[in-house]
């Protein structure tokens, strides 16, 4: 007798979204089926956004985190500040001054 794979069934995703059926046994939910409104996303993220706002963190700074980590590695290897900024700006197609401002914000403590 051939056994069929057991499906997990219904698993909760988000309280505001409800319950979504599982696609296969290895996945709790199919993220492609999750649809929400902007207000729901803001409601879920409100505490983190409030904390970020209070500490002067720009929402667009997430774009520069990888570049900042690469910048710090370059500096550890002895590459000069201006050279590192120039290389990263050229590599990513971003202005040098934009990177400098972003790195200054990312270096601050909260």
PDB file of N, CA and C in Angstrom:
ATOM      1  N   UNK A   1       0.841  -1.175   0.000  1.00  0.00           N
ATOM      2  CA  UNK A   1       0.000   0.000   0.000  1.00  0.00           C
ATOM      3  C   UNK A   1       0.892   1.246   0.000  1.00  0.00           C
ATOM      4  N   UNK A   2       0.637   2.134  -0.894  1.00  0.00           N
ATOM      5  CA  UNK A   2       1.432   3.352  -1.060  1.00  0.00           C
ATOM      6  C   UNK A   2       0.889   4.435  -0.118  1.00  0.00           C
ATOM      7  N   UNK A   3       1.793   5.023   0.673  1.00  0.00           N
ATOM      8  CA  UNK A   3       1.349   6.075   1.586  1.00  0.00           C
ATOM      9  C   UNK A   3       1.481   7.432   0.905  1.00  0.00           C
ATOM     10  N   UNK A   4       0.550   8.272   1.164  1.00  0.00           N
ATOM     11  CA  UNK A   4       0.585   9.623   0.600  1.00  0.00           C
ATOM     12  C   UNK A   4       1.237  10.548   1.607  1.00  0.00           C
ATOM     13  N   UNK A   5       1.978  11.540   1.114  1.00  0.00           N
ATOM     14  CA  UNK A   5       2.607  12.467   2.055  1.00  0.00           C
ATOM     15  C   UNK A   5       1.549  13.227   2.837  1.00  0.00           C
ATOM     16  N   UNK A   6       1.825  13.391   4.113  1.00  0.00           N
ATOM     17  CA  UNK A   6       0.878  14.061   4.990  1.00  0.00           C
ATOM     18  C   UNK A   6       1.042  15.574   4.888  1.00  0.00           C
ATOM     19  N   UNK A   7      -0.037  16.270   4.710  1.00  0.00           N
ATOM     20  CA  UNK A   7      -0.009  17.734   4.637  1.00  0.00           C
ATOM     21  C   UNK A   7      -0.183  18.298   6.031  1.00  0.00           C
ATOM     22  N   UNK A   8       0.451  19.398   6.260  1.00  0.00           N
ATOM     23  CA  UNK A   8       0.365  20.026   7.575  1.00  0.00           C
ATOM     24  C   UNK A   8      -1.033  20.579   7.808  1.00  0.00           C
ATOM     25  N   UNK A   9      -1.660  21.038   6.794  1.00  0.00           N
ATOM     26  CA  UNK A   9      -3.009  21.582   6.951  1.00  0.00           C
ATOM     27  C   UNK A   9      -2.976  23.084   7.034  1.00  0.00           C
ATOM     28  N   UNK A  10      -3.689  23.614   7.982  1.00  0.00           N
ATOM     29  CA  UNK A  10      -3.786  25.060   8.129  1.00  0.00           C
ATOM     30  C   UNK A  10      -2.844  25.524   9.229  1.00  0.00           C
ATOM     31  N   UNK A  11      -2.119  26.581   8.929  1.00  0.00           N
ATOM     32  CA  UNK A  11      -1.215  27.141   9.919  1.00  0.00           C
ATOM     33  C   UNK A  11      -1.396  28.649   9.964  1.00  0.00           C
ATOM     34  N   UNK A  12      -1.371  29.218  11.152  1.00  0.00           N
ATOM     35  CA  UNK A  12      -1.573  30.671  11.254  1.00  0.00           C
ATOM     36  C   UNK A  12      -0.389  31.437  10.687  1.00  0.00           C
ATOM     37  N   UNK A  13      -0.664  32.503   9.961  1.00  0.00           N
ATOM     38  CA  UNK A  13       0.387  33.338   9.398  1.00  0.00           C
ATOM     39  C   UNK A  13       0.458  34.640  10.180  1.00  0.00           C
ATOM     40  N   UNK A  14      -0.552  35.414  10.106  1.00  0.00           N
ATOM     41  CA  UNK A  14      -0.645  36.667  10.835  1.00  0.00           C
ATOM     42  C   UNK A  14      -2.081  36.804  11.325  1.00  0.00           C
ATOM     43  N   UNK A  15      -2.276  37.375  12.500  1.00  0.00           N
ATOM     44  CA  UNK A  15      -3.636  37.492  13.007  1.00  0.00           C
ATOM     45  C   UNK A  15      -4.567  38.243  12.068  1.00  0.00           C
ATOM     46  N   UNK A  16      -4.047  39.275  11.388  1.00  0.00           N
ATOM     47  CA  UNK A  16      -4.915  40.078  10.530  1.00  0.00           C
ATOM     48  C   UNK A  16      -5.177  39.413   9.180  1.00  0.00           C
ATOM     49  N   UNK A  17      -4.320  38.461   8.793  1.00  0.00           N
ATOM     50  CA  UNK A  17      -4.475  37.817   7.500  1.00  0.00           C
ATOM     51  C   UNK A  17      -5.363  36.588   7.620  1.00  0.00           C
ATOM     52  N   UNK A  18      -5.271  35.898   8.745  1.00  0.00           N
ATOM     53  CA  UNK A  18      -6.083  34.707   8.938  1.00  0.00           C
ATOM     54  C   UNK A  18      -5.257  33.460   8.754  1.00  0.00           C
ATOM     55  N   UNK A  19      -5.878  32.407   8.267  1.00  0.00           N
ATOM     56  CA  UNK A  19      -5.212  31.127   8.105  1.00  0.00           C
ATOM     57  C   UNK A  19      -5.055  30.814   6.633  1.00  0.00           C
ATOM     58  N   UNK A  20      -3.886  30.315   6.275  1.00  0.00           N
ATOM     59  CA  UNK A  20      -3.609  29.952   4.892  1.00  0.00           C
ATOM     60  C   UNK A  20      -3.236  28.479   4.822  1.00  0.00           C
ATOM     61  N   UNK A  21      -3.691  27.761   3.812  1.00  0.00           N
ATOM     62  CA  UNK A  21      -3.318  26.359   3.701  1.00  0.00           C
ATOM     63  C   UNK A  21      -1.836  26.206   3.376  1.00  0.00           C
ATOM     64  N   UNK A  22      -1.258  25.150   3.871  1.00  0.00           N
ATOM     65  CA  UNK A  22       0.149  24.867   3.606  1.00  0.00           C
ATOM     66  C   UNK A  22       0.292  24.221   2.238  1.00  0.00           C
ATOM     67  N   UNK A  23       1.408  24.514   1.543  1.00  0.00           N
ATOM     68  CA  UNK A  23       1.638  23.952   0.214  1.00  0.00           C
ATOM     69  C   UNK A  23       2.208  22.551   0.294  1.00  0.00           C
ATOM     70  N   UNK A  24       3.220  22.353   1.118  1.00  0.00           N
ATOM     71  CA  UNK A  24       3.797  21.026   1.255  1.00  0.00           C
ATOM     72  C   UNK A  24       4.246  20.832   2.691  1.00  0.00           C
ATOM     73  N   UNK A  25       4.658  19.627   3.020  1.00  0.00           N
ATOM     74  CA  UNK A  25       4.965  19.279   4.404  1.00  0.00           C
ATOM     75  C   UNK A  25       6.132  20.073   4.974  1.00  0.00           C
ATOM     76  N   UNK A  26       7.044  20.545   4.139  1.00  0.00           N
ATOM     77  CA  UNK A  26       8.209  21.256   4.635  1.00  0.00           C
ATOM     78  C   UNK A  26       7.988  22.729   4.883  1.00  0.00           C
ATOM     79  N   UNK A  27       6.859  23.258   4.493  1.00  0.00           N
ATOM     80  CA  UNK A  27       6.606  24.690   4.593  1.00  0.00           C
ATOM     81  C   UNK A  27       5.413  24.938   5.495  1.00  0.00           C
ATOM     82  N   UNK A  28       5.559  25.868   6.414  1.00  0.00           N
ATOM     83  CA  UNK A  28       4.425  26.198   7.270  1.00  0.00           C
ATOM     84  C   UNK A  28       3.368  26.977   6.510  1.00  0.00           C
ATOM     85  N   UNK A  29       3.805  27.852   5.634  1.00  0.00           N
ATOM     86  CA  UNK A  29       2.868  28.624   4.822  1.00  0.00           C
ATOM     87  C   UNK A  29       3.554  29.047   3.541  1.00  0.00           C
ATOM     88  N   UNK A  30       2.769  29.387   2.568  1.00  0.00           N
ATOM     89  CA  UNK A  30       3.295  29.849   1.285  1.00  0.00           C
ATOM     90  C   UNK A  30       3.311  31.365   1.315  1.00  0.00           C
ATOM     91  N   UNK A  31       4.476  31.954   1.392  1.00  0.00           N
ATOM     92  CA  UNK A  31       4.611  33.410   1.522  1.00  0.00           C
ATOM     93  C   UNK A  31       4.054  34.148   0.314  1.00  0.00           C
ATOM     94  N   UNK A  32       3.990  33.485  -0.838  1.00  0.00           N
ATOM     95  CA  UNK A  32       3.454  34.133  -2.036  1.00  0.00           C
ATOM     96  C   UNK A  32       1.963  34.396  -1.924  1.00  0.00           C
ATOM     97  N   UNK A  33       1.280  33.681  -1.037  1.00  0.00           N
ATOM     98  CA  UNK A  33      -0.159  33.872  -0.866  1.00  0.00           C
ATOM     99  C   UNK A  33      -0.485  34.957   0.148  1.00  0.00           C
ATOM    100  N   UNK A  34       0.499  35.460   0.856  1.00  0.00           N
ATOM    101  CA  UNK A  34       0.246  36.467   1.882  1.00  0.00           C
ATOM    102  C   UNK A  34       0.100  37.831   1.219  1.00  0.00           C
ATOM    103  N   UNK A  35      -1.031  38.415   1.377  1.00  0.00           N
ATOM    104  CA  UNK A  35      -1.298  39.757   0.865  1.00  0.00           C
ATOM    105  C   UNK A  35      -1.808  40.594   2.034  1.00  0.00           C
ATOM    106  N   UNK A  36      -1.299  41.792   2.149  1.00  0.00           N
ATOM    107  CA  UNK A  36      -1.778  42.647   3.223  1.00  0.00           C
ATOM    108  C   UNK A  36      -1.782  44.092   2.757  1.00  0.00           C
ATOM    109  N   UNK A  37      -2.511  44.880   3.471  1.00  0.00           N
ATOM    110  CA  UNK A  37      -2.575  46.306   3.176  1.00  0.00           C
ATOM    111  C   UNK A  37      -1.447  47.022   3.898  1.00  0.00           C
ATOM    112  N   UNK A  38      -1.178  48.225   3.471  1.00  0.00           N
ATOM    113  CA  UNK A  38      -0.117  49.030   4.069  1.00  0.00           C
ATOM    114  C   UNK A  38      -0.391  49.232   5.557  1.00  0.00           C
ATOM    115  N   UNK A  39      -1.639  49.471   5.901  1.00  0.00           N
ATOM    116  CA  UNK A  39      -1.962  49.696   7.310  1.00  0.00           C
ATOM    117  C   UNK A  39      -1.656  48.473   8.164  1.00  0.00           C
ATOM    118  N   UNK A  40      -1.885  47.274   7.634  1.00  0.00           N
ATOM    119  CA  UNK A  40      -1.577  46.058   8.387  1.00  0.00           C
ATOM    120  C   UNK A  40      -0.079  45.909   8.603  1.00  0.00           C
ATOM    121  N   UNK A  41       0.698  46.195   7.567  1.00  0.00           N
ATOM    122  CA  UNK A  41       2.152  46.114   7.685  1.00  0.00           C
ATOM    123  C   UNK A  41       2.669  47.144   8.687  1.00  0.00           C
ATOM    124  N   UNK A  42       2.133  48.346   8.644  1.00  0.00           N
ATOM    125  CA  UNK A  42       2.539  49.374   9.599  1.00  0.00           C
ATOM    126  C   UNK A  42       2.151  48.994  11.020  1.00  0.00           C
ATOM    127  N   UNK A  43       1.000  48.373  11.179  1.00  0.00           N
ATOM    128  CA  UNK A  43       0.544  47.951  12.500  1.00  0.00           C
ATOM    129  C   UNK A  43       1.496  46.912  13.089  1.00  0.00           C
ATOM    130  N   UNK A  44       1.936  45.968  12.260  1.00  0.00           N
ATOM    131  CA  UNK A  44       2.849  44.927  12.713  1.00  0.00           C
ATOM    132  C   UNK A  44       4.210  45.532  13.061  1.00  0.00           C
ATOM    133  N   UNK A  45       4.654  46.492  12.285  1.00  0.00           N
ATOM    134  CA  UNK A  45       6.001  47.063  12.424  1.00  0.00           C
ATOM    135  C   UNK A  45       6.039  48.342  13.249  1.00  0.00           C
ATOM    136  N   UNK A  46       4.951  48.743  13.835  1.00  0.00           N
ATOM    137  CA  UNK A  46       4.865  50.069  14.451  1.00  0.00           C
ATOM    138  C   UNK A  46       5.891  50.284  15.559  1.00  0.00           C
ATOM    139  N   UNK A  47       6.126  49.290  16.404  1.00  0.00           N
ATOM    140  CA  UNK A  47       7.087  49.475  17.495  1.00  0.00           C
ATOM    141  C   UNK A  47       8.506  49.683  16.969  1.00  0.00           C
ATOM    142  N   UNK A  48       8.906  48.873  16.001  1.00  0.00           N
ATOM    143  CA  UNK A  48      10.254  49.014  15.431  1.00  0.00           C
ATOM    144  C   UNK A  48      10.383  50.352  14.704  1.00  0.00           C
ATOM    145  N   UNK A  49       9.357  50.742  13.958  1.00  0.00           N
ATOM    146  CA  UNK A  49       9.404  52.017  13.237  1.00  0.00           C
ATOM    147  C   UNK A  49       9.456  53.196  14.202  1.00  0.00           C
ATOM    148  N   UNK A  50       8.712  53.103  15.289  1.00  0.00           N
ATOM    149  CA  UNK A  50       8.713  54.170  16.295  1.00  0.00           C
ATOM    150  C   UNK A  50      10.101  54.308  16.913  1.00  0.00           C
ATOM    151  N   UNK A  51      10.724  53.184  17.254  1.00  0.00           N
ATOM    152  CA  UNK A  51      12.061  53.197  17.832  1.00  0.00           C
ATOM    153  C   UNK A  51      13.075  53.777  16.851  1.00  0.00           C
ATOM    154  N   UNK A  52      12.963  53.389  15.580  1.00  0.00           N
ATOM    155  CA  UNK A  52      13.861  53.921  14.559  1.00  0.00           C
ATOM    156  C   UNK A  52      13.682  55.425  14.409  1.00  0.00           C
ATOM    157  N   UNK A  53      12.448  55.881  14.396  1.00  0.00           N
ATOM    158  CA  UNK A  53      12.164  57.303  14.240  1.00  0.00           C
ATOM    159  C   UNK A  53      12.723  58.109  15.410  1.00  0.00           C
ATOM    160  N   UNK A  54      12.561  57.582  16.615  1.00  0.00           N
ATOM    161  CA  UNK A  54      13.058  58.280  17.807  1.00  0.00           C
ATOM    162  C   UNK A  54      14.574  58.393  17.815  1.00  0.00           C
ATOM    163  N   UNK A  55      15.255  57.452  17.165  1.00  0.00           N
ATOM    164  CA  UNK A  55      16.716  57.450  17.151  1.00  0.00           C
ATOM    165  C   UNK A  55      17.302  58.041  15.879  1.00  0.00           C
ATOM    166  N   UNK A  56      16.486  58.651  15.047  1.00  0.00           N
ATOM    167  CA  UNK A  56      16.972  59.332  13.853  1.00  0.00           C
ATOM    168  C   UNK A  56      17.448  58.406  12.752  1.00  0.00           C
ATOM    169  N   UNK A  57      16.913  57.191  12.720  1.00  0.00           N
ATOM    170  CA  UNK A  57      17.301  56.236  11.691  1.00  0.00           C
ATOM    171  C   UNK A  57      16.406  56.448  10.479  1.00  0.00           C
ATOM    172  N   UNK A  58      17.018  56.647   9.325  1.00  0.00           N
ATOM    173  CA  UNK A  58      16.263  56.836   8.091  1.00  0.00           C
ATOM    174  C   UNK A  58      15.802  55.482   7.573  1.00  0.00           C
ATOM    175  N   UNK A  59      14.617  55.423   7.003  1.00  0.00           N
ATOM    176  CA  UNK A  59      14.109  54.163   6.462  1.00  0.00           C
ATOM    177  C   UNK A  59      14.951  53.653   5.303  1.00  0.00           C
ATOM    178  N   UNK A  60      15.548  54.547   4.540  1.00  0.00           N
ATOM    179  CA  UNK A  60      16.355  54.136   3.389  1.00  0.00           C
ATOM    180  C   UNK A  60      17.755  53.663   3.764  1.00  0.00           C
ATOM    181  N   UNK A  61      18.128  53.760   5.028  1.00  0.00           N
ATOM    182  CA  UNK A  61      19.475  53.358   5.433  1.00  0.00           C
ATOM    183  C   UNK A  61      19.716  51.859   5.285  1.00  0.00           C
ATOM    184  N   UNK A  62      18.662  51.067   5.173  1.00  0.00           N
ATOM    185  CA  UNK A  62      18.852  49.626   4.984  1.00  0.00           C
ATOM    186  C   UNK A  62      19.631  49.338   3.699  1.00  0.00           C
ATOM    187  N   UNK A  63      19.563  50.240   2.729  1.00  0.00           N
ATOM    188  CA  UNK A  63      20.257  50.052   1.451  1.00  0.00           C
ATOM    189  C   UNK A  63      21.773  50.111   1.604  1.00  0.00           C
ATOM    190  N   UNK A  64      22.242  50.782   2.652  1.00  0.00           N
ATOM    191  CA  UNK A  64      23.663  51.046   2.799  1.00  0.00           C
ATOM    192  C   UNK A  64      24.354  50.154   3.820  1.00  0.00           C
ATOM    193  N   UNK A  65      23.629  49.255   4.470  1.00  0.00           N
ATOM    194  CA  UNK A  65      24.220  48.414   5.509  1.00  0.00           C
ATOM    195  C   UNK A  65      25.315  47.518   4.935  1.00  0.00           C
ATOM    196  N   UNK A  66      25.056  46.869   3.811  1.00  0.00           N
ATOM    197  CA  UNK A  66      26.076  46.010   3.194  1.00  0.00           C
ATOM    198  C   UNK A  66      27.305  46.819   2.782  1.00  0.00           C
ATOM    199  N   UNK A  67      27.074  47.985   2.218  1.00  0.00           N
ATOM    200  CA  UNK A  67      28.195  48.835   1.801  1.00  0.00           C
ATOM    201  C   UNK A  67      29.003  49.288   3.022  1.00  0.00           C
ATOM    202  N   UNK A  68      28.321  49.582   4.130  1.00  0.00           N
ATOM    203  CA  UNK A  68      29.016  50.005   5.342  1.00  0.00           C
ATOM    204  C   UNK A  68      29.887  48.884   5.900  1.00  0.00           C
ATOM    205  N   UNK A  69      29.360  47.660   5.902  1.00  0.00           N
ATOM    206  CA  UNK A  69      30.148  46.522   6.379  1.00  0.00           C
ATOM    207  C   UNK A  69      31.364  46.291   5.480  1.00  0.00           C
ATOM    208  N   UNK A  70      31.172  46.443   4.187  1.00  0.00           N
ATOM    209  CA  UNK A  70      32.290  46.312   3.249  1.00  0.00           C
ATOM    210  C   UNK A  70      33.305  47.431   3.484  1.00  0.00           C
ATOM    211  N   UNK A  71      32.820  48.633   3.754  1.00  0.00           N
ATOM    212  CA  UNK A  71      33.672  49.777   4.058  1.00  0.00           C
ATOM    213  C   UNK A  71      34.542  49.501   5.283  1.00  0.00           C
ATOM    214  N   UNK A  72      33.926  48.949   6.335  1.00  0.00           N
ATOM    215  CA  UNK A  72      34.679  48.648   7.551  1.00  0.00           C
ATOM    216  C   UNK A  72      35.764  47.594   7.296  1.00  0.00           C
ATOM    217  N   UNK A  73      35.453  46.591   6.485  1.00  0.00           N
ATOM    218  CA  UNK A  73      36.455  45.579   6.132  1.00  0.00           C
ATOM    219  C   UNK A  73      37.605  46.205   5.345  1.00  0.00           C
ATOM    220  N   UNK A  74      37.268  47.096   4.425  1.00  0.00           N
ATOM    221  CA  UNK A  74      38.297  47.771   3.628  1.00  0.00           C
ATOM    222  C   UNK A  74      39.211  48.594   4.527  1.00  0.00           C
ATOM    223  N   UNK A  75      38.624  49.276   5.490  1.00  0.00           N
ATOM    224  CA  UNK A  75      39.411  50.089   6.419  1.00  0.00           C
ATOM    225  C   UNK A  75      40.309  49.221   7.291  1.00  0.00           C
ATOM    226  N   UNK A  76      39.820  48.027   7.677  1.00  0.00           N
ATOM    227  CA  UNK A  76      40.645  47.119   8.477  1.00  0.00           C
ATOM    228  C   UNK A  76      41.870  46.647   7.696  1.00  0.00           C
ATOM    229  N   UNK A  77      41.731  46.527   6.389  1.00  0.00           N
ATOM    230  CA  UNK A  77      42.840  46.101   5.552  1.00  0.00           C
ATOM    231  C   UNK A  77      43.759  47.259   5.178  1.00  0.00           C
ATOM    232  N   UNK A  78      43.487  48.453   5.685  1.00  0.00           N
ATOM    233  CA  UNK A  78      44.395  49.570   5.493  1.00  0.00           C
ATOM    234  C   UNK A  78      44.075  50.478   4.322  1.00  0.00           C
ATOM    235  N   UNK A  79      42.930  50.304   3.696  1.00  0.00           N
ATOM    236  CA  UNK A  79      42.558  51.195   2.591  1.00  0.00           C
ATOM    237  C   UNK A  79      42.120  52.526   3.179  1.00  0.00           C
ATOM    238  N   UNK A  80      42.607  53.588   2.606  1.00  0.00           N
ATOM    239  CA  UNK A  80      42.316  54.927   3.116  1.00  0.00           C
ATOM    240  C   UNK A  80      40.828  55.261   2.958  1.00  0.00           C
ATOM    241  N   UNK A  81      40.353  56.153   3.840  1.00  0.00           N
ATOM    242  CA  UNK A  81      38.936  56.530   3.899  1.00  0.00           C
ATOM    243  C   UNK A  81      38.403  56.976   2.545  1.00  0.00           C
ATOM    244  N   UNK A  82      39.050  57.964   1.945  1.00  0.00           N
ATOM    245  CA  UNK A  82      38.570  58.514   0.669  1.00  0.00           C
ATOM    246  C   UNK A  82      38.588  57.474  -0.442  1.00  0.00           C
ATOM    247  N   UNK A  83      39.613  56.634  -0.455  1.00  0.00           N
ATOM    248  CA  UNK A  83      39.710  55.594  -1.484  1.00  0.00           C
ATOM    249  C   UNK A  83      38.584  54.581  -1.327  1.00  0.00           C
ATOM    250  N   UNK A  84      38.311  54.185  -0.103  1.00  0.00           N
ATOM    251  CA  UNK A  84      37.254  53.206   0.149  1.00  0.00           C
ATOM    252  C   UNK A  84      35.893  53.773  -0.263  1.00  0.00           C
ATOM    253  N   UNK A  85      35.635  55.016   0.126  1.00  0.00           N
ATOM    254  CA  UNK A  85      34.369  55.664  -0.240  1.00  0.00           C
ATOM    255  C   UNK A  85      34.248  55.757  -1.756  1.00  0.00           C
ATOM    256  N   UNK A  86      35.313  56.171  -2.396  1.00  0.00           N
ATOM    257  CA  UNK A  86      35.310  56.331  -3.848  1.00  0.00           C
ATOM    258  C   UNK A  86      35.048  55.004  -4.559  1.00  0.00           C
ATOM    259  N   UNK A  87      35.721  53.935  -4.105  1.00  0.00           N
ATOM    260  CA  UNK A  87      35.526  52.623  -4.728  1.00  0.00           C
ATOM    261  C   UNK A  87      34.096  52.112  -4.550  1.00  0.00           C
ATOM    262  N   UNK A  88      33.563  52.249  -3.343  1.00  0.00           N
ATOM    263  CA  UNK A  88      32.200  51.781  -3.082  1.00  0.00           C
ATOM    264  C   UNK A  88      31.169  52.589  -3.870  1.00  0.00           C
ATOM    265  N   UNK A  89      31.376  53.902  -3.945  1.00  0.00           N
ATOM    266  CA  UNK A  89      30.445  54.758  -4.683  1.00  0.00           C
ATOM    267  C   UNK A  89      30.435  54.395  -6.160  1.00  0.00           C
ATOM    268  N   UNK A  90      31.602  54.177  -6.714  1.00  0.00           N
ATOM    269  CA  UNK A  90      31.691  53.825  -8.127  1.00  0.00           C
ATOM    270  C   UNK A  90      31.100  52.436  -8.377  1.00  0.00           C
ATOM    271  N   UNK A  91      31.383  51.500  -7.495  1.00  0.00           N
ATOM    272  CA  UNK A  91      30.894  50.127  -7.643  1.00  0.00           C
ATOM    273  C   UNK A  91      29.366  50.056  -7.580  1.00  0.00           C
ATOM    274  N   UNK A  92      28.771  50.862  -6.721  1.00  0.00           N
ATOM    275  CA  UNK A  92      27.328  50.798  -6.500  1.00  0.00           C
ATOM    276  C   UNK A  92      26.539  51.876  -7.245  1.00  0.00           C
ATOM    277  N   UNK A  93      27.225  52.776  -7.903  1.00  0.00           N
ATOM    278  CA  UNK A  93      26.540  53.826  -8.638  1.00  0.00           C
ATOM    279  C   UNK A  93      25.839  54.825  -7.736  1.00  0.00           C
ATOM    280  N   UNK A  94      26.473  55.132  -6.620  1.00  0.00           N
ATOM    281  CA  UNK A  94      25.931  56.063  -5.627  1.00  0.00           C
ATOM    282  C   UNK A  94      26.931  57.199  -5.486  1.00  0.00           C
ATOM    283  N   UNK A  95      26.450  58.373  -5.160  1.00  0.00           N
ATOM    284  CA  UNK A  95      27.346  59.503  -4.943  1.00  0.00           C
ATOM    285  C   UNK A  95      28.196  59.318  -3.696  1.00  0.00           C
ATOM    286  N   UNK A  96      29.430  59.810  -3.750  1.00  0.00           N
ATOM    287  CA  UNK A  96      30.335  59.690  -2.608  1.00  0.00           C
ATOM    288  C   UNK A  96      29.769  60.373  -1.369  1.00  0.00           C
ATOM    289  N   UNK A  97      29.222  61.550  -1.562  1.00  0.00           N
ATOM    290  CA  UNK A  97      28.678  62.297  -0.427  1.00  0.00           C
ATOM    291  C   UNK A  97      27.475  61.569   0.181  1.00  0.00           C
ATOM    292  N   UNK A  98      26.678  60.924  -0.639  1.00  0.00           N
ATOM    293  CA  UNK A  98      25.538  60.145  -0.140  1.00  0.00           C
ATOM    294  C   UNK A  98      26.038  59.027   0.761  1.00  0.00           C
ATOM    295  N   UNK A  99      27.080  58.327   0.322  1.00  0.00           N
ATOM    296  CA  UNK A  99      27.649  57.255   1.142  1.00  0.00           C
ATOM    297  C   UNK A  99      28.238  57.795   2.436  1.00  0.00           C
ATOM    298  N   UNK A 100      28.917  58.920   2.359  1.00  0.00           N
ATOM    299  CA  UNK A 100      29.508  59.499   3.568  1.00  0.00           C
ATOM    300  C   UNK A 100      28.429  59.827   4.595  1.00  0.00           C
ATOM    301  N   UNK A 101      27.341  60.436   4.147  1.00  0.00           N
ATOM    302  CA  UNK A 101      26.248  60.770   5.067  1.00  0.00           C
ATOM    303  C   UNK A 101      25.625  59.506   5.663  1.00  0.00           C
ATOM    304  N   UNK A 102      25.395  58.515   4.814  1.00  0.00           N
ATOM    305  CA  UNK A 102      24.791  57.263   5.286  1.00  0.00           C
ATOM    306  C   UNK A 102      25.715  56.561   6.282  1.00  0.00           C
ATOM    307  N   UNK A 103      27.006  56.520   6.003  1.00  0.00           N
ATOM    308  CA  UNK A 103      27.953  55.855   6.894  1.00  0.00           C
ATOM    309  C   UNK A 103      28.045  56.582   8.229  1.00  0.00           C
ATOM    310  N   UNK A 104      27.940  57.895   8.188  1.00  0.00           N
ATOM    311  CA  UNK A 104      27.967  58.668   9.432  1.00  0.00           C
ATOM    312  C   UNK A 104      26.752  58.310  10.296  1.00  0.00           C
ATOM    313  N   UNK A 105      25.584  58.178   9.668  1.00  0.00           N
ATOM    314  CA  UNK A 105      24.381  57.790  10.409  1.00  0.00           C
ATOM    315  C   UNK A 105      24.494  56.362  10.940  1.00  0.00           C
ATOM    316  N   UNK A 106      25.048  55.460  10.125  1.00  0.00           N
ATOM    317  CA  UNK A 106      25.148  54.061  10.544  1.00  0.00           C
ATOM    318  C   UNK A 106      26.194  53.850  11.644  1.00  0.00           C
ATOM    319  N   UNK A 107      27.159  54.730  11.749  1.00  0.00           N
ATOM    320  CA  UNK A 107      28.202  54.593  12.766  1.00  0.00           C
ATOM    321  C   UNK A 107      27.746  55.075  14.142  1.00  0.00           C
ATOM    322  N   UNK A 108      26.657  55.836  14.185  1.00  0.00           N
ATOM    323  CA  UNK A 108      26.171  56.359  15.468  1.00  0.00           C
ATOM    324  C   UNK A 108      25.643  55.239  16.362  1.00  0.00           C
ATOM    325  N   UNK A 109      25.686  55.470  17.662  1.00  0.00           N
ATOM    326  CA  UNK A 109      25.068  54.542  18.610  1.00  0.00           C
ATOM    327  C   UNK A 109      23.669  55.047  18.938  1.00  0.00           C
ATOM    328  N   UNK A 110      22.776  54.120  19.163  1.00  0.00           N
ATOM    329  CA  UNK A 110      21.381  54.471  19.506  1.00  0.00           C
ATOM    330  C   UNK A 110      21.218  54.605  20.997  1.00  0.00           C
TER     331      UNK A 110
END
